[in-house]
Amino acid sequence: MFYYLLKYVLLGPLLRLFFRPRIEGLEHIPTTGAAIVAGNHLSFSDHFLMPAMLKRRITFLAKKEYFTGPGLKGRLTAAFFRSAGQIPVDRTGKEAGQAAIREGLGVLSKGELLGIYPEGTRSHDGRLYKGKVGVAVMALKAQVPVIPCAMIGTFEAQPPGKIIPNIHPVTIRFGEPLDFSRYAGMENEKAILRAITDEIMYAILSLSEQEYVDQYAAVAKAEEAAAKVEKERKFPRMPIS
């Protein structure tokens, strides 16, 4: 109930008013049946804009940190994500990927739409990064199509670290469904999973026209953070007298 209250009364109208999102390719979203919507991830706003524009309900796998934040802000964020039907996923540890896959398959088994960001985390610089193969595993095990999606303009509207979004035009672009039934029963073949994931990422890239980086986003973030620390160690800021 609260999901639809947010979508049609509280949040949806505000998102339409401020961002005036342009929707392209909406006809590619099936009216019934299970499917995966795989998109790029540029902004915190992505979690709200796409669901607000779709007629069907879509459930996202969201990082556990959104549900465990401290203080009043943390409790409000957790309540919002739970009420919107989003599923917390622990991204740490050896079993993290398997847990996410189990949760995703549970959504698909009900004939629902599952939203997933194959990059695994938000892009910190607006580029598109290498996808993780979990999306391929779910597509094969559930035998469902994958609809590529590109969020365009959300990085400029709400880049990492910005709490209050800028007023900036946004386009949400859906591509034709990708059918991987030819690989049925091959969800344990690493080369097949990599090929499927790369095909999905190429479809997203074609829609978004981002620059592509053949590296996982989390690795790129860690390397940049380490380089920054090393630079500050070698060249510490001198105190201003």
C-alpha atoms as a PDB file:
ATOM      1  CA  MET A   1       0.000   0.000   0.000  1.00  0.00           C
ATOM      2  CA  PHE A   2       2.727   2.482   0.978  1.00  0.00           C
ATOM      3  CA  TYR A   3       4.555   1.678  -2.269  1.00  0.00           C
ATOM      4  CA  TYR A   4       1.640   2.994  -4.319  1.00  0.00           C
ATOM      5  CA  LEU A   5       1.134   5.937  -1.962  1.00  0.00           C
ATOM      6  CA  LEU A   6       4.749   6.950  -2.591  1.00  0.00           C
ATOM      7  CA  LYS A   7       4.495   6.368  -6.315  1.00  0.00           C
ATOM      8  CA  TYR A   8       1.260   8.163  -7.069  1.00  0.00           C
ATOM      9  CA  VAL A   9       0.776  10.666  -4.232  1.00  0.00           C
ATOM     10  CA  LEU A  10       3.897  11.530  -2.257  1.00  0.00           C
ATOM     11  CA  LEU A  11       7.059  11.038  -4.311  1.00  0.00           C
ATOM     12  CA  GLY A  12       6.076  10.342  -7.907  1.00  0.00           C
ATOM     13  CA  PRO A  13       4.448  13.723  -8.623  1.00  0.00           C
ATOM     14  CA  LEU A  14       7.431  15.574  -7.120  1.00  0.00           C
ATOM     15  CA  LEU A  15       9.896  13.620  -9.249  1.00  0.00           C
ATOM     16  CA  ARG A  16       7.891  14.381 -12.382  1.00  0.00           C
ATOM     17  CA  LEU A  17       7.683  18.060 -11.453  1.00  0.00           C
ATOM     18  CA  PHE A  18      11.371  18.619 -10.704  1.00  0.00           C
ATOM     19  CA  PHE A  19      13.064  16.268 -13.173  1.00  0.00           C
ATOM     20  CA  ARG A  20      10.430  16.139 -15.948  1.00  0.00           C
ATOM     21  CA  PRO A  21      11.790  12.729 -16.957  1.00  0.00           C
ATOM     22  CA  ARG A  22      11.564  11.702 -20.570  1.00  0.00           C
ATOM     23  CA  ILE A  23      10.760   8.020 -21.051  1.00  0.00           C
ATOM     24  CA  GLU A  24      11.864   6.125 -24.149  1.00  0.00           C
ATOM     25  CA  GLY A  25      11.205   2.497 -25.039  1.00  0.00           C
ATOM     26  CA  LEU A  26       8.539   1.893 -22.418  1.00  0.00           C
ATOM     27  CA  GLU A  27       6.908  -0.580 -24.818  1.00  0.00           C
ATOM     28  CA  HIS A  28       9.806  -2.960 -24.115  1.00  0.00           C
ATOM     29  CA  ILE A  29       8.636  -3.531 -20.530  1.00  0.00           C
ATOM     30  CA  PRO A  30       6.326  -6.591 -20.504  1.00  0.00           C
ATOM     31  CA  THR A  31       2.866  -5.982 -19.087  1.00  0.00           C
ATOM     32  CA  THR A  32       2.909  -9.339 -17.285  1.00  0.00           C
ATOM     33  CA  GLY A  33       5.401 -12.003 -16.306  1.00  0.00           C
ATOM     34  CA  ALA A  34       8.844 -12.005 -14.775  1.00  0.00           C
ATOM     35  CA  ALA A  35      11.737 -10.045 -16.269  1.00  0.00           C
ATOM     36  CA  ILE A  36      14.973  -8.419 -15.184  1.00  0.00           C
ATOM     37  CA  VAL A  37      15.519  -4.710 -15.783  1.00  0.00           C
ATOM     38  CA  ALA A  38      19.293  -4.152 -15.804  1.00  0.00           C
ATOM     39  CA  GLY A  39      20.519  -0.581 -15.774  1.00  0.00           C
ATOM     40  CA  ASN A  40      23.460   1.695 -15.215  1.00  0.00           C
ATOM     41  CA  HIS A  41      23.731   3.286 -11.794  1.00  0.00           C
ATOM     42  CA  LEU A  42      24.746   6.926 -11.624  1.00  0.00           C
ATOM     43  CA  SER A  43      22.878   8.386  -8.682  1.00  0.00           C
ATOM     44  CA  PHE A  44      20.916   7.713  -5.509  1.00  0.00           C
ATOM     45  CA  SER A  45      17.955   9.160  -7.423  1.00  0.00           C
ATOM     46  CA  ASP A  46      17.957   6.138  -9.759  1.00  0.00           C
ATOM     47  CA  HIS A  47      16.245   4.102  -7.027  1.00  0.00           C
ATOM     48  CA  PHE A  48      13.182   6.334  -7.200  1.00  0.00           C
ATOM     49  CA  LEU A  49      12.959   7.695 -10.726  1.00  0.00           C
ATOM     50  CA  MET A  50      12.663   4.435 -12.631  1.00  0.00           C
ATOM     51  CA  PRO A  51      10.056   2.837 -10.317  1.00  0.00           C
ATOM     52  CA  ALA A  52       8.023   6.054 -10.349  1.00  0.00           C
ATOM     53  CA  MET A  53       7.826   6.016 -14.143  1.00  0.00           C
ATOM     54  CA  LEU A  54       6.897   2.358 -14.620  1.00  0.00           C
ATOM     55  CA  LYS A  55       3.287   1.213 -14.505  1.00  0.00           C
ATOM     56  CA  ARG A  56       4.312  -2.124 -13.026  1.00  0.00           C
ATOM     57  CA  ARG A  57       5.871  -2.500  -9.631  1.00  0.00           C
ATOM     58  CA  ILE A  58       9.592  -3.227  -9.717  1.00  0.00           C
ATOM     59  CA  THR A  59      11.667  -4.559  -6.829  1.00  0.00           C
ATOM     60  CA  PHE A  60      15.334  -3.639  -6.510  1.00  0.00           C
ATOM     61  CA  LEU A  61      18.110  -5.357  -4.668  1.00  0.00           C
ATOM     62  CA  ALA A  62      19.434  -2.533  -2.472  1.00  0.00           C
ATOM     63  CA  LYS A  63      22.611  -2.497  -0.418  1.00  0.00           C
ATOM     64  CA  LYS A  64      22.137  -3.401   3.235  1.00  0.00           C
ATOM     65  CA  GLU A  65      23.629  -0.092   4.379  1.00  0.00           C
ATOM     66  CA  TYR A  66      20.422   1.672   3.321  1.00  0.00           C
ATOM     67  CA  PHE A  67      18.599  -0.326   5.996  1.00  0.00           C
ATOM     68  CA  THR A  68      21.106  -0.017   8.825  1.00  0.00           C
ATOM     69  CA  GLY A  69      22.056   3.665   8.882  1.00  0.00           C
ATOM     70  CA  PRO A  70      22.350   5.385  12.289  1.00  0.00           C
ATOM     71  CA  GLY A  71      20.132   8.102  13.723  1.00  0.00           C
ATOM     72  CA  LEU A  72      16.837   9.521  12.546  1.00  0.00           C
ATOM     73  CA  LYS A  73      18.003   9.780   8.933  1.00  0.00           C
ATOM     74  CA  GLY A  74      18.996   6.110   8.957  1.00  0.00           C
ATOM     75  CA  ARG A  75      15.670   4.999  10.386  1.00  0.00           C
ATOM     76  CA  LEU A  76      13.714   7.066   7.879  1.00  0.00           C
ATOM     77  CA  THR A  77      15.786   5.735   4.978  1.00  0.00           C
ATOM     78  CA  ALA A  78      15.309   2.152   6.139  1.00  0.00           C
ATOM     79  CA  ALA A  79      11.566   2.642   6.582  1.00  0.00           C
ATOM     80  CA  PHE A  80      11.302   4.124   3.117  1.00  0.00           C
ATOM     81  CA  PHE A  81      13.161   1.289   1.393  1.00  0.00           C
ATOM     82  CA  ARG A  82      11.221  -1.385   3.268  1.00  0.00           C
ATOM     83  CA  SER A  83       7.896   0.272   2.525  1.00  0.00           C
ATOM     84  CA  ALA A  84       8.835   0.524  -1.147  1.00  0.00           C
ATOM     85  CA  GLY A  85       9.417  -3.239  -1.206  1.00  0.00           C
ATOM     86  CA  GLN A  86      13.163  -3.085  -1.769  1.00  0.00           C
ATOM     87  CA  ILE A  87      15.303  -6.006  -0.591  1.00  0.00           C
ATOM     88  CA  PRO A  88      18.471  -5.495   1.506  1.00  0.00           C
ATOM     89  CA  VAL A  89      21.546  -7.314   0.244  1.00  0.00           C
ATOM     90  CA  ASP A  90      24.805  -7.745   2.136  1.00  0.00           C
ATOM     91  CA  ARG A  91      27.609  -7.022  -0.342  1.00  0.00           C
ATOM     92  CA  THR A  92      30.403  -8.287   1.905  1.00  0.00           C
ATOM     93  CA  GLY A  93      31.687 -11.805   2.481  1.00  0.00           C
ATOM     94  CA  LYS A  94      31.932 -14.905   0.340  1.00  0.00           C
ATOM     95  CA  GLU A  95      28.193 -15.626   0.406  1.00  0.00           C
ATOM     96  CA  ALA A  96      27.111 -12.097  -0.555  1.00  0.00           C
ATOM     97  CA  GLY A  97      26.704 -12.836  -4.250  1.00  0.00           C
ATOM     98  CA  GLN A  98      24.802 -16.079  -3.654  1.00  0.00           C
ATOM     99  CA  ALA A  99      22.458 -14.364  -1.197  1.00  0.00           C
ATOM    100  CA  ALA A 100      21.678 -11.655  -3.740  1.00  0.00           C
ATOM    101  CA  ILE A 101      20.957 -14.273  -6.393  1.00  0.00           C
ATOM    102  CA  ARG A 102      18.606 -16.166  -4.058  1.00  0.00           C
ATOM    103  CA  GLU A 103      16.705 -12.986  -3.253  1.00  0.00           C
ATOM    104  CA  GLY A 104      16.460 -12.030  -6.909  1.00  0.00           C
ATOM    105  CA  LEU A 105      15.232 -15.455  -7.954  1.00  0.00           C
ATOM    106  CA  GLY A 106      12.574 -15.241  -5.254  1.00  0.00           C
ATOM    107  CA  VAL A 107      11.197 -12.061  -6.831  1.00  0.00           C
ATOM    108  CA  LEU A 108      11.262 -13.549 -10.331  1.00  0.00           C
ATOM    109  CA  SER A 109       9.546 -16.757  -9.176  1.00  0.00           C
ATOM    110  CA  LYS A 110       6.507 -14.629  -8.319  1.00  0.00           C
ATOM    111  CA  GLY A 111       6.293 -13.350 -11.904  1.00  0.00           C
ATOM    112  CA  GLU A 112       7.477  -9.861 -10.924  1.00  0.00           C
ATOM    113  CA  LEU A 113       9.955  -7.339 -12.296  1.00  0.00           C
ATOM    114  CA  LEU A 114      13.405  -7.338 -10.730  1.00  0.00           C
ATOM    115  CA  GLY A 115      15.617  -4.279 -10.981  1.00  0.00           C
ATOM    116  CA  ILE A 116      19.375  -4.743 -10.777  1.00  0.00           C
ATOM    117  CA  TYR A 117      22.508  -2.696 -11.358  1.00  0.00           C
ATOM    118  CA  PRO A 118      25.091  -5.113 -12.798  1.00  0.00           C
ATOM    119  CA  GLU A 119      27.947  -2.733 -11.910  1.00  0.00           C
ATOM    120  CA  GLY A 120      27.231  -3.538  -8.256  1.00  0.00           C
ATOM    121  CA  THR A 121      27.601   0.044  -7.059  1.00  0.00           C
ATOM    122  CA  ARG A 122      27.113   3.610  -8.219  1.00  0.00           C
ATOM    123  CA  SER A 123      29.534   5.035 -10.733  1.00  0.00           C
ATOM    124  CA  HIS A 124      31.676   7.632  -8.985  1.00  0.00           C
ATOM    125  CA  ASP A 125      32.639   9.476 -12.172  1.00  0.00           C
ATOM    126  CA  GLY A 126      29.737   9.002 -14.582  1.00  0.00           C
ATOM    127  CA  ARG A 127      31.394   6.230 -16.613  1.00  0.00           C
ATOM    128  CA  LEU A 128      30.005   2.729 -17.162  1.00  0.00           C
ATOM    129  CA  TYR A 129      31.950  -0.054 -15.472  1.00  0.00           C
ATOM    130  CA  LYS A 130      32.259  -3.807 -15.949  1.00  0.00           C
ATOM    131  CA  GLY A 131      29.198  -5.829 -14.931  1.00  0.00           C
ATOM    132  CA  LYS A 132      29.102  -8.642 -12.392  1.00  0.00           C
ATOM    133  CA  VAL A 133      27.810 -11.995 -13.595  1.00  0.00           C
ATOM    134  CA  GLY A 134      24.994 -12.362 -11.047  1.00  0.00           C
ATOM    135  CA  VAL A 135      22.540 -10.883 -13.541  1.00  0.00           C
ATOM    136  CA  ALA A 136      23.446 -13.629 -16.027  1.00  0.00           C
ATOM    137  CA  VAL A 137      23.003 -16.362 -13.428  1.00  0.00           C
ATOM    138  CA  MET A 138      19.516 -15.110 -12.550  1.00  0.00           C
ATOM    139  CA  ALA A 139      18.479 -14.707 -16.188  1.00  0.00           C
ATOM    140  CA  LEU A 140      19.442 -18.315 -16.947  1.00  0.00           C
ATOM    141  CA  LYS A 141      18.104 -19.907 -13.785  1.00  0.00           C
ATOM    142  CA  ALA A 142      14.778 -18.073 -13.937  1.00  0.00           C
ATOM    143  CA  GLN A 143      14.618 -18.290 -17.756  1.00  0.00           C
ATOM    144  CA  VAL A 144      13.527 -14.667 -18.087  1.00  0.00           C
ATOM    145  CA  PRO A 145      14.421 -11.854 -20.514  1.00  0.00           C
ATOM    146  CA  VAL A 146      16.694  -8.981 -19.556  1.00  0.00           C
ATOM    147  CA  ILE A 147      15.596  -5.451 -20.476  1.00  0.00           C
ATOM    148  CA  PRO A 148      18.564  -3.037 -20.633  1.00  0.00           C
ATOM    149  CA  CYS A 149      17.971   0.408 -19.213  1.00  0.00           C
ATOM    150  CA  ALA A 150      19.950   3.640 -19.285  1.00  0.00           C
ATOM    151  CA  MET A 151      19.529   6.466 -16.796  1.00  0.00           C
ATOM    152  CA  ILE A 152      20.729   9.661 -18.465  1.00  0.00           C
ATOM    153  CA  GLY A 153      21.197  12.925 -16.560  1.00  0.00           C
ATOM    154  CA  THR A 154      20.867  11.561 -13.030  1.00  0.00           C
ATOM    155  CA  PHE A 155      24.608  11.931 -12.401  1.00  0.00           C
ATOM    156  CA  GLU A 156      24.298  15.656 -13.078  1.00  0.00           C
ATOM    157  CA  ALA A 157      21.076  15.852 -11.070  1.00  0.00           C
ATOM    158  CA  GLN A 158      22.516  14.160  -7.984  1.00  0.00           C
ATOM    159  CA  PRO A 159      26.203  13.229  -8.154  1.00  0.00           C
ATOM    160  CA  PRO A 160      27.767  11.183  -5.335  1.00  0.00           C
ATOM    161  CA  GLY A 161      27.818  13.078  -2.061  1.00  0.00           C
ATOM    162  CA  LYS A 162      25.067  15.537  -2.969  1.00  0.00           C
ATOM    163  CA  ILE A 163      22.012  15.270  -0.722  1.00  0.00           C
ATOM    164  CA  ILE A 164      19.628  17.743  -2.349  1.00  0.00           C
ATOM    165  CA  PRO A 165      19.356  17.076  -6.108  1.00  0.00           C
ATOM    166  CA  ASN A 166      19.870  19.707  -8.771  1.00  0.00           C
ATOM    167  CA  ILE A 167      16.999  20.459 -11.114  1.00  0.00           C
ATOM    168  CA  HIS A 168      18.226  18.764 -14.262  1.00  0.00           C
ATOM    169  CA  PRO A 169      16.449  16.994 -17.154  1.00  0.00           C
ATOM    170  CA  VAL A 170      16.539  13.211 -16.994  1.00  0.00           C
ATOM    171  CA  THR A 171      15.943  10.576 -19.656  1.00  0.00           C
ATOM    172  CA  ILE A 172      15.101   6.953 -18.872  1.00  0.00           C
ATOM    173  CA  ARG A 173      15.702   4.759 -21.918  1.00  0.00           C
ATOM    174  CA  PHE A 174      14.700   1.092 -22.204  1.00  0.00           C
ATOM    175  CA  GLY A 175      16.062  -1.213 -24.892  1.00  0.00           C
ATOM    176  CA  GLU A 176      14.684  -4.327 -26.524  1.00  0.00           C
ATOM    177  CA  PRO A 177      14.531  -7.419 -24.274  1.00  0.00           C
ATOM    178  CA  LEU A 178      17.559  -9.703 -24.488  1.00  0.00           C
ATOM    179  CA  ASP A 179      16.773 -13.411 -24.782  1.00  0.00           C
ATOM    180  CA  PHE A 180      19.375 -15.840 -23.467  1.00  0.00           C
ATOM    181  CA  SER A 181      17.335 -19.042 -23.736  1.00  0.00           C
ATOM    182  CA  ARG A 182      19.997 -20.410 -26.106  1.00  0.00           C
ATOM    183  CA  TYR A 183      22.226 -20.788 -23.047  1.00  0.00           C
ATOM    184  CA  ALA A 184      19.671 -22.696 -20.950  1.00  0.00           C
ATOM    185  CA  GLY A 185      21.301 -25.041 -18.441  1.00  0.00           C
ATOM    186  CA  MET A 186      24.712 -23.370 -18.735  1.00  0.00           C
ATOM    187  CA  GLU A 187      24.521 -21.153 -15.639  1.00  0.00           C
ATOM    188  CA  ASN A 188      27.621 -22.833 -14.196  1.00  0.00           C
ATOM    189  CA  GLU A 189      29.811 -22.079 -17.213  1.00  0.00           C
ATOM    190  CA  LYS A 190      31.976 -19.076 -16.322  1.00  0.00           C
ATOM    191  CA  ALA A 191      32.736 -18.160 -19.929  1.00  0.00           C
ATOM    192  CA  ILE A 192      29.026 -18.178 -20.797  1.00  0.00           C
ATOM    193  CA  LEU A 193      28.134 -16.029 -17.795  1.00  0.00           C
ATOM    194  CA  ARG A 194      30.833 -13.530 -18.731  1.00  0.00           C
ATOM    195  CA  ALA A 195      29.637 -13.409 -22.350  1.00  0.00           C
ATOM    196  CA  ILE A 196      26.007 -12.822 -21.308  1.00  0.00           C
ATOM    197  CA  THR A 197      26.968 -10.111 -18.825  1.00  0.00           C
ATOM    198  CA  ASP A 198      29.139  -8.354 -21.390  1.00  0.00           C
ATOM    199  CA  GLU A 199      26.259  -8.456 -23.888  1.00  0.00           C
ATOM    200  CA  ILE A 200      23.977  -6.852 -21.303  1.00  0.00           C
ATOM    201  CA  MET A 201      26.539  -4.160 -20.507  1.00  0.00           C
ATOM    202  CA  TYR A 202      27.046  -3.445 -24.211  1.00  0.00           C
ATOM    203  CA  ALA A 203      23.286  -2.979 -24.609  1.00  0.00           C
ATOM    204  CA  ILE A 204      23.262  -0.544 -21.663  1.00  0.00           C
ATOM    205  CA  LEU A 205      26.272   1.251 -23.141  1.00  0.00           C
ATOM    206  CA  SER A 206      24.529   1.621 -26.497  1.00  0.00           C
ATOM    207  CA  LEU A 207      21.548   3.227 -24.750  1.00  0.00           C
ATOM    208  CA  SER A 208      23.499   5.466 -22.371  1.00  0.00           C
ATOM    209  CA  GLU A 209      26.429   6.441 -24.633  1.00  0.00           C
ATOM    210  CA  GLN A 210      28.706   6.559 -21.592  1.00  0.00           C
ATOM    211  CA  GLU A 211      32.424   5.964 -21.645  1.00  0.00           C
ATOM    212  CA  TYR A 212      33.089   2.309 -20.789  1.00  0.00           C
ATOM    213  CA  VAL A 213      35.738   1.094 -18.353  1.00  0.00           C
ATOM    214  CA  ASP A 214      36.667  -2.612 -18.412  1.00  0.00           C
ATOM    215  CA  GLN A 215      37.117  -2.724 -14.650  1.00  0.00           C
ATOM    216  CA  TYR A 216      34.803  -3.233 -11.697  1.00  0.00           C
ATOM    217  CA  ALA A 217      33.581   0.057 -10.251  1.00  0.00           C
ATOM    218  CA  ALA A 218      34.398  -0.953  -6.680  1.00  0.00           C
ATOM    219  CA  VAL A 219      37.994  -1.723  -7.677  1.00  0.00           C
ATOM    220  CA  ALA A 220      38.332   1.604  -9.492  1.00  0.00           C
ATOM    221  CA  LYS A 221      36.983   3.464  -6.456  1.00  0.00           C
ATOM    222  CA  ALA A 222      39.397   1.695  -4.133  1.00  0.00           C
ATOM    223  CA  GLU A 223      42.362   2.410  -6.378  1.00  0.00           C
ATOM    224  CA  GLU A 224      41.494   6.103  -6.662  1.00  0.00           C
ATOM    225  CA  ALA A 225      41.031   6.367  -2.899  1.00  0.00           C
ATOM    226  CA  ALA A 226      44.387   4.670  -2.293  1.00  0.00           C
ATOM    227  CA  ALA A 227      46.095   6.956  -4.804  1.00  0.00           C
ATOM    228  CA  LYS A 228      44.619   9.989  -3.062  1.00  0.00           C
ATOM    229  CA  VAL A 229      45.875   8.827   0.325  1.00  0.00           C
ATOM    230  CA  GLU A 230      49.322   8.149  -1.107  1.00  0.00           C
ATOM    231  CA  LYS A 231      49.438  11.582  -2.717  1.00  0.00           C
ATOM    232  CA  GLU A 232      48.488  13.279   0.548  1.00  0.00           C
ATOM    233  CA  ARG A 233      51.155  11.255   2.346  1.00  0.00           C
ATOM    234  CA  LYS A 234      53.867  12.340  -0.066  1.00  0.00           C
ATOM    235  CA  PHE A 235      52.659  15.900  -0.408  1.00  0.00           C
ATOM    236  CA  PRO A 236      50.925  16.854   2.868  1.00  0.00           C
ATOM    237  CA  ARG A 237      49.157  20.174   2.989  1.00  0.00           C
ATOM    238  CA  MET A 238      51.199  22.836   4.708  1.00  0.00           C
ATOM    239  CA  PRO A 239      49.430  24.673   7.540  1.00  0.00           C
ATOM    240  CA  ILE A 240      48.420  28.240   6.781  1.00  0.00           C
ATOM    241  CA  SER A 241      50.117  30.615   9.206  1.00  0.00           C
END
